[in-house]
Amino acid sequence: MNHPGPSDELLKLLENLPPDEPRPKLEPFPAIVLRCCRQGRSYRRIQEILREQCQIEVAYQSLRKFVQRRQRPRITEPEPVPAAATAPINTAAKPTWNFDTDGPRATSSATTEKKWARQWFVHEVRQ
């Protein structure tokens, strides 16, 4: 089936249409909106600022989505995996421990005193 192309009238009509305005109302003001967010202002307060200073009425959810889309980090490429992370683990190089002969480590008197002081402090605070 052959479809006829657009008529000359339709092409002229399309050429004479005015250009579309930016779709989001906030598109001309991203710097203002994002700066207000970085300063800790709430979305409601940003709505008031836009209404008073820029004469723009914008819905709460529209403002929220606008900010979140622009603050979200963009991932351009996946990060390369380091070669060390993909290398197999060498289990032969692990040290062997003999707990019968090594025995427990001796603790210094300073370590023992710190443990006792910590226990005493916790006991006193709870009472």
PDB file of N, CA and C in Angstrom:
ATOM      1  N   MET A   1       0.817  -1.165   0.000  1.00  0.00           N
ATOM      2  CA  MET A   1       0.000   0.000   0.000  1.00  0.00           C
ATOM      3  C   MET A   1       0.868   1.237   0.000  1.00  0.00           C
ATOM      4  N   ASN A   2       0.540   2.117  -0.862  1.00  0.00           N
ATOM      5  CA  ASN A   2       1.234   3.402  -0.936  1.00  0.00           C
ATOM      6  C   ASN A   2       0.436   4.452  -0.186  1.00  0.00           C
ATOM      7  N   HIS A   3       1.099   5.125   0.762  1.00  0.00           N
ATOM      8  CA  HIS A   3       0.462   6.211   1.487  1.00  0.00           C
ATOM      9  C   HIS A   3       0.913   7.521   0.868  1.00  0.00           C
ATOM     10  N   PRO A   4      -0.019   8.394   0.649  1.00  0.00           N
ATOM     11  CA  PRO A   4       0.384   9.686   0.099  1.00  0.00           C
ATOM     12  C   PRO A   4       1.130  10.487   1.153  1.00  0.00           C
ATOM     13  N   GLY A   5       2.102  11.282   0.725  1.00  0.00           N
ATOM     14  CA  GLY A   5       2.870  12.127   1.631  1.00  0.00           C
ATOM     15  C   GLY A   5       2.028  13.278   2.137  1.00  0.00           C
ATOM     16  N   PRO A   6       2.560  14.076   3.057  1.00  0.00           N
ATOM     17  CA  PRO A   6       1.798  15.211   3.569  1.00  0.00           C
ATOM     18  C   PRO A   6       1.559  16.239   2.470  1.00  0.00           C
ATOM     19  N   SER A   7       0.422  16.849   2.517  1.00  0.00           N
ATOM     20  CA  SER A   7       0.085  17.840   1.495  1.00  0.00           C
ATOM     21  C   SER A   7       0.905  19.100   1.728  1.00  0.00           C
ATOM     22  N   ASP A   8       0.953  19.922   0.679  1.00  0.00           N
ATOM     23  CA  ASP A   8       1.679  21.191   0.777  1.00  0.00           C
ATOM     24  C   ASP A   8       1.047  22.107   1.818  1.00  0.00           C
ATOM     25  N   GLU A   9      -0.255  22.062   1.930  1.00  0.00           N
ATOM     26  CA  GLU A   9      -0.945  22.900   2.915  1.00  0.00           C
ATOM     27  C   GLU A   9      -0.519  22.524   4.343  1.00  0.00           C
ATOM     28  N   LEU A  10      -0.448  21.231   4.582  1.00  0.00           N
ATOM     29  CA  LEU A  10      -0.070  20.758   5.907  1.00  0.00           C
ATOM     30  C   LEU A  10       1.378  21.146   6.229  1.00  0.00           C
ATOM     31  N   LEU A  11       2.258  21.033   5.263  1.00  0.00           N
ATOM     32  CA  LEU A  11       3.655  21.410   5.472  1.00  0.00           C
ATOM     33  C   LEU A  11       3.785  22.896   5.777  1.00  0.00           C
ATOM     34  N   LYS A  12       3.043  23.751   5.064  1.00  0.00           N
ATOM     35  CA  LYS A  12       3.084  25.192   5.316  1.00  0.00           C
ATOM     36  C   LYS A  12       2.542  25.516   6.708  1.00  0.00           C
ATOM     37  N   LEU A  13       1.471  24.825   7.076  1.00  0.00           N
ATOM     38  CA  LEU A  13       0.877  25.031   8.386  1.00  0.00           C
ATOM     39  C   LEU A  13       1.874  24.678   9.496  1.00  0.00           C
ATOM     40  N   LEU A  14       2.575  23.559   9.350  1.00  0.00           N
ATOM     41  CA  LEU A  14       3.554  23.133  10.346  1.00  0.00           C
ATOM     42  C   LEU A  14       4.739  24.099  10.437  1.00  0.00           C
ATOM     43  N   GLU A  15       5.139  24.677   9.306  1.00  0.00           N
ATOM     44  CA  GLU A  15       6.252  25.629   9.305  1.00  0.00           C
ATOM     45  C   GLU A  15       5.884  26.928  10.005  1.00  0.00           C
ATOM     46  N   ASN A  16       4.636  27.304   9.977  1.00  0.00           N
ATOM     47  CA  ASN A  16       4.200  28.576  10.544  1.00  0.00           C
ATOM     48  C   ASN A  16       3.797  28.480  12.021  1.00  0.00           C
ATOM     49  N   LEU A  17       3.865  27.294  12.607  1.00  0.00           N
ATOM     50  CA  LEU A  17       3.517  27.155  14.014  1.00  0.00           C
ATOM     51  C   LEU A  17       4.582  27.834  14.877  1.00  0.00           C
ATOM     52  N   PRO A  18       4.176  28.498  15.949  1.00  0.00           N
ATOM     53  CA  PRO A  18       5.157  29.120  16.845  1.00  0.00           C
ATOM     54  C   PRO A  18       5.929  28.030  17.594  1.00  0.00           C
ATOM     55  N   PRO A  19       7.155  28.331  17.996  1.00  0.00           N
ATOM     56  CA  PRO A  19       7.925  27.309  18.723  1.00  0.00           C
ATOM     57  C   PRO A  19       7.303  27.022  20.088  1.00  0.00           C
ATOM     58  N   ASP A  20       7.432  25.793  20.518  1.00  0.00           N
ATOM     59  CA  ASP A  20       6.893  25.398  21.818  1.00  0.00           C
ATOM     60  C   ASP A  20       7.716  26.035  22.939  1.00  0.00           C
ATOM     61  N   GLU A  21       7.026  26.354  24.023  1.00  0.00           N
ATOM     62  CA  GLU A  21       7.707  26.845  25.216  1.00  0.00           C
ATOM     63  C   GLU A  21       8.353  25.656  25.912  1.00  0.00           C
ATOM     64  N   PRO A  22       9.335  25.926  26.776  1.00  0.00           N
ATOM     65  CA  PRO A  22       9.928  24.803  27.518  1.00  0.00           C
ATOM     66  C   PRO A  22       8.850  24.065  28.289  1.00  0.00           C
ATOM     67  N   ARG A  23       8.934  22.776  28.284  1.00  0.00           N
ATOM     68  CA  ARG A  23       7.882  21.974  28.891  1.00  0.00           C
ATOM     69  C   ARG A  23       7.753  22.205  30.396  1.00  0.00           C
ATOM     70  N   PRO A  24       8.814  22.010  31.183  1.00  0.00           N
ATOM     71  CA  PRO A  24       8.650  22.306  32.607  1.00  0.00           C
ATOM     72  C   PRO A  24       8.704  23.809  32.866  1.00  0.00           C
ATOM     73  N   LYS A  25       7.851  24.277  33.724  1.00  0.00           N
ATOM     74  CA  LYS A  25       7.852  25.703  34.060  1.00  0.00           C
ATOM     75  C   LYS A  25       9.165  26.097  34.738  1.00  0.00           C
ATOM     76  N   LEU A  26       9.781  25.151  35.416  1.00  0.00           N
ATOM     77  CA  LEU A  26      10.980  25.449  36.186  1.00  0.00           C
ATOM     78  C   LEU A  26      12.270  25.401  35.360  1.00  0.00           C
ATOM     79  N   GLU A  27      12.179  25.012  34.126  1.00  0.00           N
ATOM     80  CA  GLU A  27      13.382  24.857  33.290  1.00  0.00           C
ATOM     81  C   GLU A  27      14.242  26.117  33.232  1.00  0.00           C
ATOM     82  N   PRO A  28      13.675  27.317  33.172  1.00  0.00           N
ATOM     83  CA  PRO A  28      14.535  28.504  33.157  1.00  0.00           C
ATOM     84  C   PRO A  28      15.172  28.825  34.513  1.00  0.00           C
ATOM     85  N   PHE A  29      14.765  28.165  35.596  1.00  0.00           N
ATOM     86  CA  PHE A  29      15.213  28.536  36.931  1.00  0.00           C
ATOM     87  C   PHE A  29      15.878  27.414  37.720  1.00  0.00           C
ATOM     88  N   PRO A  30      16.627  26.518  37.103  1.00  0.00           N
ATOM     89  CA  PRO A  30      17.187  25.429  37.910  1.00  0.00           C
ATOM     90  C   PRO A  30      18.207  25.912  38.936  1.00  0.00           C
ATOM     91  N   ALA A  31      18.976  26.953  38.607  1.00  0.00           N
ATOM     92  CA  ALA A  31      19.991  27.440  39.544  1.00  0.00           C
ATOM     93  C   ALA A  31      19.348  27.980  40.815  1.00  0.00           C
ATOM     94  N   ILE A  32      18.246  28.716  40.654  1.00  0.00           N
ATOM     95  CA  ILE A  32      17.555  29.287  41.818  1.00  0.00           C
ATOM     96  C   ILE A  32      16.984  28.174  42.692  1.00  0.00           C
ATOM     97  N   VAL A  33      16.320  27.230  42.062  1.00  0.00           N
ATOM     98  CA  VAL A  33      15.660  26.157  42.808  1.00  0.00           C
ATOM     99  C   VAL A  33      16.693  25.303  43.539  1.00  0.00           C
ATOM    100  N   LEU A  34      17.743  24.893  42.847  1.00  0.00           N
ATOM    101  CA  LEU A  34      18.737  24.026  43.466  1.00  0.00           C
ATOM    102  C   LEU A  34      19.530  24.756  44.552  1.00  0.00           C
ATOM    103  N   ARG A  35      19.768  26.039  44.364  1.00  0.00           N
ATOM    104  CA  ARG A  35      20.465  26.811  45.389  1.00  0.00           C
ATOM    105  C   ARG A  35      19.613  26.904  46.664  1.00  0.00           C
ATOM    106  N   CYS A  36      18.318  27.122  46.495  1.00  0.00           N
ATOM    107  CA  CYS A  36      17.425  27.156  47.654  1.00  0.00           C
ATOM    108  C   CYS A  36      17.451  25.822  48.392  1.00  0.00           C
ATOM    109  N   CYS A  37      17.493  24.720  47.657  1.00  0.00           N
ATOM    110  CA  CYS A  37      17.546  23.398  48.285  1.00  0.00           C
ATOM    111  C   CYS A  37      18.843  23.224  49.060  1.00  0.00           C
ATOM    112  N   ARG A  38      19.963  23.626  48.473  1.00  0.00           N
ATOM    113  CA  ARG A  38      21.251  23.509  49.163  1.00  0.00           C
ATOM    114  C   ARG A  38      21.286  24.359  50.427  1.00  0.00           C
ATOM    115  N   GLN A  39      20.537  25.446  50.439  1.00  0.00           N
ATOM    116  CA  GLN A  39      20.472  26.313  51.616  1.00  0.00           C
ATOM    117  C   GLN A  39      19.513  25.771  52.673  1.00  0.00           C
ATOM    118  N   GLY A  40      18.851  24.669  52.372  1.00  0.00           N
ATOM    119  CA  GLY A  40      17.996  24.014  53.358  1.00  0.00           C
ATOM    120  C   GLY A  40      16.556  24.481  53.371  1.00  0.00           C
ATOM    121  N   ARG A  41      16.138  25.191  52.361  1.00  0.00           N
ATOM    122  CA  ARG A  41      14.749  25.657  52.322  1.00  0.00           C
ATOM    123  C   ARG A  41      13.824  24.500  51.951  1.00  0.00           C
ATOM    124  N   SER A  42      12.628  24.520  52.488  1.00  0.00           N
ATOM    125  CA  SER A  42      11.651  23.474  52.190  1.00  0.00           C
ATOM    126  C   SER A  42      11.040  23.725  50.808  1.00  0.00           C
ATOM    127  N   TYR A  43      10.390  22.686  50.282  1.00  0.00           N
ATOM    128  CA  TYR A  43       9.722  22.835  48.977  1.00  0.00           C
ATOM    129  C   TYR A  43       8.611  23.875  49.054  1.00  0.00           C
ATOM    130  N   ARG A  44       7.920  23.933  50.195  1.00  0.00           N
ATOM    131  CA  ARG A  44       6.851  24.929  50.350  1.00  0.00           C
ATOM    132  C   ARG A  44       7.425  26.343  50.299  1.00  0.00           C
ATOM    133  N   ARG A  45       8.558  26.545  50.953  1.00  0.00           N
ATOM    134  CA  ARG A  45       9.185  27.873  50.944  1.00  0.00           C
ATOM    135  C   ARG A  45       9.686  28.209  49.537  1.00  0.00           C
ATOM    136  N   ILE A  46      10.220  27.235  48.827  1.00  0.00           N
ATOM    137  CA  ILE A  46      10.677  27.472  47.450  1.00  0.00           C
ATOM    138  C   ILE A  46       9.491  27.825  46.568  1.00  0.00           C
ATOM    139  N   GLN A  47       8.347  27.178  46.801  1.00  0.00           N
ATOM    140  CA  GLN A  47       7.129  27.534  46.062  1.00  0.00           C
ATOM    141  C   GLN A  47       6.784  28.999  46.284  1.00  0.00           C
ATOM    142  N   GLU A  48       6.861  29.448  47.530  1.00  0.00           N
ATOM    143  CA  GLU A  48       6.551  30.853  47.833  1.00  0.00           C
ATOM    144  C   GLU A  48       7.527  31.798  47.140  1.00  0.00           C
ATOM    145  N   ILE A  49       8.804  31.459  47.172  1.00  0.00           N
ATOM    146  CA  ILE A  49       9.818  32.304  46.530  1.00  0.00           C
ATOM    147  C   ILE A  49       9.552  32.413  45.034  1.00  0.00           C
ATOM    148  N   LEU A  50       9.252  31.279  44.400  1.00  0.00           N
ATOM    149  CA  LEU A  50       8.975  31.291  42.957  1.00  0.00           C
ATOM    150  C   LEU A  50       7.719  32.099  42.651  1.00  0.00           C
ATOM    151  N   ARG A  51       6.724  31.986  43.508  1.00  0.00           N
ATOM    152  CA  ARG A  51       5.477  32.726  43.294  1.00  0.00           C
ATOM    153  C   ARG A  51       5.716  34.232  43.439  1.00  0.00           C
ATOM    154  N   GLU A  52       6.450  34.622  44.489  1.00  0.00           N
ATOM    155  CA  GLU A  52       6.653  36.045  44.759  1.00  0.00           C
ATOM    156  C   GLU A  52       7.692  36.685  43.832  1.00  0.00           C
ATOM    157  N   GLN A  53       8.793  36.002  43.608  1.00  0.00           N
ATOM    158  CA  GLN A  53       9.909  36.607  42.878  1.00  0.00           C
ATOM    159  C   GLN A  53       9.871  36.351  41.368  1.00  0.00           C
ATOM    160  N   CYS A  54       9.380  35.184  40.976  1.00  0.00           N
ATOM    161  CA  CYS A  54       9.420  34.809  39.555  1.00  0.00           C
ATOM    162  C   CYS A  54       8.041  34.733  38.911  1.00  0.00           C
ATOM    163  N   GLN A  55       6.989  34.965  39.677  1.00  0.00           N
ATOM    164  CA  GLN A  55       5.609  34.892  39.196  1.00  0.00           C
ATOM    165  C   GLN A  55       5.308  33.540  38.529  1.00  0.00           C
ATOM    166  N   ILE A  56       5.709  32.468  39.196  1.00  0.00           N
ATOM    167  CA  ILE A  56       5.471  31.117  38.683  1.00  0.00           C
ATOM    168  C   ILE A  56       4.712  30.328  39.736  1.00  0.00           C
ATOM    169  N   GLU A  57       3.611  29.728  39.324  1.00  0.00           N
ATOM    170  CA  GLU A  57       2.861  28.816  40.181  1.00  0.00           C
ATOM    171  C   GLU A  57       3.274  27.403  39.789  1.00  0.00           C
ATOM    172  N   VAL A  58       3.778  26.662  40.757  1.00  0.00           N
ATOM    173  CA  VAL A  58       4.209  25.300  40.472  1.00  0.00           C
ATOM    174  C   VAL A  58       3.703  24.389  41.592  1.00  0.00           C
ATOM    175  N   ALA A  59       3.279  23.199  41.223  1.00  0.00           N
ATOM    176  CA  ALA A  59       2.764  22.244  42.198  1.00  0.00           C
ATOM    177  C   ALA A  59       3.904  21.691  43.048  1.00  0.00           C
ATOM    178  N   TYR A  60       3.575  21.320  44.263  1.00  0.00           N
ATOM    179  CA  TYR A  60       4.556  20.775  45.202  1.00  0.00           C
ATOM    180  C   TYR A  60       5.265  19.564  44.606  1.00  0.00           C
ATOM    181  N   GLN A  61       4.478  18.612  44.076  1.00  0.00           N
ATOM    182  CA  GLN A  61       5.065  17.388  43.528  1.00  0.00           C
ATOM    183  C   GLN A  61       5.939  17.676  42.309  1.00  0.00           C
ATOM    184  N   SER A  62       5.543  18.631  41.489  1.00  0.00           N
ATOM    185  CA  SER A  62       6.346  18.989  40.318  1.00  0.00           C
ATOM    186  C   SER A  62       7.693  19.551  40.751  1.00  0.00           C
ATOM    187  N   LEU A  63       7.675  20.399  41.752  1.00  0.00           N
ATOM    188  CA  LEU A  63       8.903  20.972  42.279  1.00  0.00           C
ATOM    189  C   LEU A  63       9.793  19.888  42.867  1.00  0.00           C
ATOM    190  N   ARG A  64       9.197  18.996  43.634  1.00  0.00           N
ATOM    191  CA  ARG A  64       9.940  17.908  44.257  1.00  0.00           C
ATOM    192  C   ARG A  64      10.603  17.012  43.213  1.00  0.00           C
ATOM    193  N   LYS A  65       9.863  16.629  42.197  1.00  0.00           N
ATOM    194  CA  LYS A  65      10.417  15.782  41.133  1.00  0.00           C
ATOM    195  C   LYS A  65      11.524  16.504  40.373  1.00  0.00           C
ATOM    196  N   PHE A  66      11.309  17.786  40.101  1.00  0.00           N
ATOM    197  CA  PHE A  66      12.301  18.594  39.395  1.00  0.00           C
ATOM    198  C   PHE A  66      13.625  18.584  40.155  1.00  0.00           C
ATOM    199  N   VAL A  67      13.560  18.784  41.468  1.00  0.00           N
ATOM    200  CA  VAL A  67      14.771  18.823  42.292  1.00  0.00           C
ATOM    201  C   VAL A  67      15.411  17.445  42.355  1.00  0.00           C
ATOM    202  N   GLN A  68      14.625  16.425  42.605  1.00  0.00           N
ATOM    203  CA  GLN A  68      15.186  15.089  42.752  1.00  0.00           C
ATOM    204  C   GLN A  68      15.844  14.589  41.485  1.00  0.00           C
ATOM    205  N   ARG A  69      15.289  14.921  40.335  1.00  0.00           N
ATOM    206  CA  ARG A  69      15.898  14.502  39.068  1.00  0.00           C
ATOM    207  C   ARG A  69      17.245  15.165  38.841  1.00  0.00           C
ATOM    208  N   ARG A  70      17.394  16.385  39.340  1.00  0.00           N
ATOM    209  CA  ARG A  70      18.633  17.113  39.107  1.00  0.00           C
ATOM    210  C   ARG A  70      19.671  16.894  40.197  1.00  0.00           C
ATOM    211  N   GLN A  71      19.260  16.405  41.343  1.00  0.00           N
ATOM    212  CA  GLN A  71      20.208  16.136  42.415  1.00  0.00           C
ATOM    213  C   GLN A  71      20.693  14.700  42.412  1.00  0.00           C
ATOM    214  N   ARG A  72      20.040  13.839  41.694  1.00  0.00           N
ATOM    215  CA  ARG A  72      20.409  12.428  41.643  1.00  0.00           C
ATOM    216  C   ARG A  72      21.736  12.283  40.896  1.00  0.00           C
ATOM    217  N   PRO A  73      22.697  11.546  41.449  1.00  0.00           N
ATOM    218  CA  PRO A  73      23.953  11.369  40.719  1.00  0.00           C
ATOM    219  C   PRO A  73      23.719  10.559  39.453  1.00  0.00           C
ATOM    220  N   ARG A  74      24.346  10.978  38.401  1.00  0.00           N
ATOM    221  CA  ARG A  74      24.185  10.289  37.122  1.00  0.00           C
ATOM    222  C   ARG A  74      25.330   9.313  36.912  1.00  0.00           C
ATOM    223  N   ILE A  75      24.990   8.120  36.496  1.00  0.00           N
ATOM    224  CA  ILE A  75      26.002   7.109  36.233  1.00  0.00           C
ATOM    225  C   ILE A  75      26.221   7.075  34.725  1.00  0.00           C
ATOM    226  N   THR A  76      27.425   7.430  34.311  1.00  0.00           N
ATOM    227  CA  THR A  76      27.718   7.450  32.889  1.00  0.00           C
ATOM    228  C   THR A  76      28.249   6.100  32.424  1.00  0.00           C
ATOM    229  N   GLU A  77      29.200   5.542  33.171  1.00  0.00           N
ATOM    230  CA  GLU A  77      29.759   4.238  32.833  1.00  0.00           C
ATOM    231  C   GLU A  77      29.867   3.419  34.107  1.00  0.00           C
ATOM    232  N   PRO A  78      29.766   2.121  33.973  1.00  0.00           N
ATOM    233  CA  PRO A  78      29.998   1.325  35.171  1.00  0.00           C
ATOM    234  C   PRO A  78      31.468   1.430  35.580  1.00  0.00           C
ATOM    235  N   GLU A  79      31.710   1.438  36.879  1.00  0.00           N
ATOM    236  CA  GLU A  79      33.078   1.541  37.359  1.00  0.00           C
ATOM    237  C   GLU A  79      33.818   0.244  37.082  1.00  0.00           C
ATOM    238  N   PRO A  80      35.087   0.343  36.655  1.00  0.00           N
ATOM    239  CA  PRO A  80      35.839  -0.886  36.395  1.00  0.00           C
ATOM    240  C   PRO A  80      36.136  -1.615  37.702  1.00  0.00           C
ATOM    241  N   VAL A  81      36.112  -2.928  37.645  1.00  0.00           N
ATOM    242  CA  VAL A  81      36.392  -3.749  38.818  1.00  0.00           C
ATOM    243  C   VAL A  81      37.904  -3.875  38.937  1.00  0.00           C
ATOM    244  N   PRO A  82      38.472  -3.581  40.116  1.00  0.00           N
ATOM    245  CA  PRO A  82      39.919  -3.702  40.273  1.00  0.00           C
ATOM    246  C   PRO A  82      40.372  -5.139  40.082  1.00  0.00           C
ATOM    247  N   ALA A  83      41.578  -5.306  39.571  1.00  0.00           N
ATOM    248  CA  ALA A  83      42.100  -6.638  39.289  1.00  0.00           C
ATOM    249  C   ALA A  83      42.255  -7.449  40.564  1.00  0.00           C
ATOM    250  N   ALA A  84      42.577  -6.797  41.680  1.00  0.00           N
ATOM    251  CA  ALA A  84      42.758  -7.519  42.941  1.00  0.00           C
ATOM    252  C   ALA A  84      41.454  -8.156  43.404  1.00  0.00           C
ATOM    253  N   ALA A  85      40.337  -7.543  43.095  1.00  0.00           N
ATOM    254  CA  ALA A  85      39.051  -8.083  43.527  1.00  0.00           C
ATOM    255  C   ALA A  85      38.672  -9.331  42.746  1.00  0.00           C
ATOM    256  N   THR A  86      39.196  -9.478  41.539  1.00  0.00           N
ATOM    257  CA  THR A  86      38.846 -10.627  40.720  1.00  0.00           C
ATOM    258  C   THR A  86      39.861 -11.754  40.837  1.00  0.00           C
ATOM    259  N   ALA A  87      41.015 -11.494  41.478  1.00  0.00           N
ATOM    260  CA  ALA A  87      42.048 -12.522  41.598  1.00  0.00           C
ATOM    261  C   ALA A  87      41.590 -13.585  42.597  1.00  0.00           C
ATOM    262  N   PRO A  88      41.946 -14.847  42.349  1.00  0.00           N
ATOM    263  CA  PRO A  88      41.560 -15.892  43.291  1.00  0.00           C
ATOM    264  C   PRO A  88      42.335 -15.746  44.605  1.00  0.00           C
ATOM    265  N   ILE A  89      41.744 -16.180  45.672  1.00  0.00           N
ATOM    266  CA  ILE A  89      42.378 -16.099  46.984  1.00  0.00           C
ATOM    267  C   ILE A  89      43.325 -17.268  47.149  1.00  0.00           C
ATOM    268  N   ASN A  90      44.543 -16.970  47.592  1.00  0.00           N
ATOM    269  CA  ASN A  90      45.552 -17.997  47.805  1.00  0.00           C
ATOM    270  C   ASN A  90      45.413 -18.511  49.226  1.00  0.00           C
ATOM    271  N   THR A  91      44.868 -19.705  49.387  1.00  0.00           N
ATOM    272  CA  THR A  91      44.655 -20.265  50.722  1.00  0.00           C
ATOM    273  C   THR A  91      45.920 -20.888  51.279  1.00  0.00           C
ATOM    274  N   ALA A  92      46.918 -21.188  50.450  1.00  0.00           N
ATOM    275  CA  ALA A  92      48.147 -21.807  50.934  1.00  0.00           C
ATOM    276  C   ALA A  92      48.985 -20.833  51.749  1.00  0.00           C
ATOM    277  N   ALA A  93      48.810 -19.539  51.547  1.00  0.00           N
ATOM    278  CA  ALA A  93      49.633 -18.547  52.227  1.00  0.00           C
ATOM    279  C   ALA A  93      49.095 -18.189  53.613  1.00  0.00           C
ATOM    280  N   LYS A  94      47.998 -18.772  54.042  1.00  0.00           N
ATOM    281  CA  LYS A  94      47.428 -18.448  55.347  1.00  0.00           C
ATOM    282  C   LYS A  94      48.312 -19.028  56.450  1.00  0.00           C
ATOM    283  N   PRO A  95      48.491 -18.273  57.541  1.00  0.00           N
ATOM    284  CA  PRO A  95      49.286 -18.812  58.642  1.00  0.00           C
ATOM    285  C   PRO A  95      48.499 -19.888  59.385  1.00  0.00           C
ATOM    286  N   THR A  96      49.211 -20.790  59.933  1.00  0.00           N
ATOM    287  CA  THR A  96      48.564 -21.832  60.731  1.00  0.00           C
ATOM    288  C   THR A  96      48.766 -21.476  62.194  1.00  0.00           C
ATOM    289  N   TRP A  97      47.725 -21.600  62.973  1.00  0.00           N
ATOM    290  CA  TRP A  97      47.773 -21.259  64.382  1.00  0.00           C
ATOM    291  C   TRP A  97      47.687 -22.538  65.197  1.00  0.00           C
ATOM    292  N   ASN A  98      48.558 -22.600  66.150  1.00  0.00           N
ATOM    293  CA  ASN A  98      48.509 -23.719  67.070  1.00  0.00           C
ATOM    294  C   ASN A  98      48.089 -23.149  68.420  1.00  0.00           C
ATOM    295  N   PHE A  99      46.840 -23.309  68.766  1.00  0.00           N
ATOM    296  CA  PHE A  99      46.322 -22.696  69.977  1.00  0.00           C
ATOM    297  C   PHE A  99      46.821 -23.397  71.242  1.00  0.00           C
ATOM    298  N   ASP A 100      47.247 -24.641  71.109  1.00  0.00           N
ATOM    299  CA  ASP A 100      47.746 -25.348  72.290  1.00  0.00           C
ATOM    300  C   ASP A 100      49.077 -24.771  72.757  1.00  0.00           C
ATOM    301  N   THR A 101      49.939 -24.432  71.808  1.00  0.00           N
ATOM    302  CA  THR A 101      51.261 -23.938  72.201  1.00  0.00           C
ATOM    303  C   THR A 101      51.299 -22.423  72.285  1.00  0.00           C
ATOM    304  N   ASP A 102      50.516 -21.718  71.479  1.00  0.00           N
ATOM    305  CA  ASP A 102      50.560 -20.263  71.514  1.00  0.00           C
ATOM    306  C   ASP A 102      49.940 -19.737  72.801  1.00  0.00           C
ATOM    307  N   GLY A 103      48.867 -20.290  73.240  1.00  0.00           N
ATOM    308  CA  GLY A 103      48.219 -19.891  74.474  1.00  0.00           C
ATOM    309  C   GLY A 103      47.609 -18.496  74.375  1.00  0.00           C
ATOM    310  N   PRO A 104      46.910 -18.070  75.423  1.00  0.00           N
ATOM    311  CA  PRO A 104      46.303 -16.737  75.395  1.00  0.00           C
ATOM    312  C   PRO A 104      47.368 -15.661  75.571  1.00  0.00           C
ATOM    313  N   ARG A 105      47.086 -14.495  75.009  1.00  0.00           N
ATOM    314  CA  ARG A 105      48.015 -13.387  75.151  1.00  0.00           C
ATOM    315  C   ARG A 105      47.876 -12.800  76.543  1.00  0.00           C
ATOM    316  N   ALA A 106      48.965 -12.358  77.064  1.00  0.00           N
ATOM    317  CA  ALA A 106      48.933 -11.725  78.377  1.00  0.00           C
ATOM    318  C   ALA A 106      48.438 -10.293  78.206  1.00  0.00           C
ATOM    319  N   THR A 107      47.599  -9.843  79.124  1.00  0.00           N
ATOM    320  CA  THR A 107      47.124  -8.470  79.073  1.00  0.00           C
ATOM    321  C   THR A 107      47.886  -7.641  80.083  1.00  0.00           C
ATOM    322  N   SER A 108      48.142  -6.428  79.736  1.00  0.00           N
ATOM    323  CA  SER A 108      48.875  -5.551  80.642  1.00  0.00           C
ATOM    324  C   SER A 108      47.963  -5.096  81.764  1.00  0.00           C
ATOM    325  N   SER A 109      48.558  -4.603  82.822  1.00  0.00           N
ATOM    326  CA  SER A 109      47.754  -4.129  83.948  1.00  0.00           C
ATOM    327  C   SER A 109      46.965  -2.881  83.551  1.00  0.00           C
ATOM    328  N   ALA A 110      47.497  -2.075  82.608  1.00  0.00           N
ATOM    329  CA  ALA A 110      46.777  -0.882  82.159  1.00  0.00           C
ATOM    330  C   ALA A 110      45.484  -1.273  81.452  1.00  0.00           C
ATOM    331  N   THR A 111      45.535  -2.326  80.633  1.00  0.00           N
ATOM    332  CA  THR A 111      44.339  -2.790  79.929  1.00  0.00           C
ATOM    333  C   THR A 111      43.314  -3.295  80.927  1.00  0.00           C
ATOM    334  N   THR A 112      43.773  -4.029  81.936  1.00  0.00           N
ATOM    335  CA  THR A 112      42.871  -4.541  82.958  1.00  0.00           C
ATOM    336  C   THR A 112      42.221  -3.394  83.722  1.00  0.00           C
ATOM    337  N   GLU A 113      43.001  -2.365  84.051  1.00  0.00           N
ATOM    338  CA  GLU A 113      42.459  -1.216  84.768  1.00  0.00           C
ATOM    339  C   GLU A 113      41.417  -0.476  83.929  1.00  0.00           C
ATOM    340  N   LYS A 114      41.667  -0.337  82.631  1.00  0.00           N
ATOM    341  CA  LYS A 114      40.700   0.333  81.752  1.00  0.00           C
ATOM    342  C   LYS A 114      39.387  -0.437  81.717  1.00  0.00           C
ATOM    343  N   LYS A 115      39.487  -1.764  81.637  1.00  0.00           N
ATOM    344  CA  LYS A 115      38.271  -2.575  81.604  1.00  0.00           C
ATOM    345  C   LYS A 115      37.489  -2.412  82.902  1.00  0.00           C
ATOM    346  N   TRP A 116      38.198  -2.432  84.046  1.00  0.00           N
ATOM    347  CA  TRP A 116      37.535  -2.278  85.334  1.00  0.00           C
ATOM    348  C   TRP A 116      36.877  -0.910  85.450  1.00  0.00           C
ATOM    349  N   ALA A 117      37.580   0.164  84.982  1.00  0.00           N
ATOM    350  CA  ALA A 117      37.034   1.519  85.063  1.00  0.00           C
ATOM    351  C   ALA A 117      35.791   1.647  84.187  1.00  0.00           C
ATOM    352  N   ARG A 118      35.812   1.045  83.017  1.00  0.00           N
ATOM    353  CA  ARG A 118      34.661   1.095  82.112  1.00  0.00           C
ATOM    354  C   ARG A 118      33.467   0.393  82.744  1.00  0.00           C
ATOM    355  N   GLN A 119      33.698  -0.766  83.350  1.00  0.00           N
ATOM    356  CA  GLN A 119      32.609  -1.492  83.999  1.00  0.00           C
ATOM    357  C   GLN A 119      32.052  -0.695  85.163  1.00  0.00           C
ATOM    358  N   TRP A 120      32.929  -0.066  85.976  1.00  0.00           N
ATOM    359  CA  TRP A 120      32.492   0.735  87.106  1.00  0.00           C
ATOM    360  C   TRP A 120      31.662   1.921  86.634  1.00  0.00           C
ATOM    361  N   PHE A 121      32.116   2.600  85.535  1.00  0.00           N
ATOM    362  CA  PHE A 121      31.411   3.768  85.018  1.00  0.00           C
ATOM    363  C   PHE A 121      30.014   3.381  84.536  1.00  0.00           C
ATOM    364  N   VAL A 122      29.914   2.284  83.815  1.00  0.00           N
ATOM    365  CA  VAL A 122      28.610   1.840  83.313  1.00  0.00           C
ATOM    366  C   VAL A 122      27.705   1.494  84.485  1.00  0.00           C
ATOM    367  N   HIS A 123      28.263   0.862  85.499  1.00  0.00           N
ATOM    368  CA  HIS A 123      27.451   0.497  86.669  1.00  0.00           C
ATOM    369  C   HIS A 123      26.960   1.752  87.400  1.00  0.00           C
ATOM    370  N   GLU A 124      27.817   2.753  87.568  1.00  0.00           N
ATOM    371  CA  GLU A 124      27.436   3.981  88.254  1.00  0.00           C
ATOM    372  C   GLU A 124      26.393   4.777  87.462  1.00  0.00           C
ATOM    373  N   VAL A 125      26.523   4.808  86.152  1.00  0.00           N
ATOM    374  CA  VAL A 125      25.593   5.574  85.319  1.00  0.00           C
ATOM    375  C   VAL A 125      24.205   4.946  85.352  1.00  0.00           C
ATOM    376  N   ARG A 126      24.145   3.639  85.398  1.00  0.00           N
ATOM    377  CA  ARG A 126      22.840   2.952  85.392  1.00  0.00           C
ATOM    378  C   ARG A 126      22.088   3.130  86.701  1.00  0.00           C
ATOM    379  N   GLN A 127      22.793   3.398  87.769  1.00  0.00           N
ATOM    380  CA  GLN A 127      22.100   3.516  89.068  1.00  0.00           C
ATOM    381  C   GLN A 127      21.461   4.833  89.262  1.00  0.00           C
TER     382      GLN A 127
END
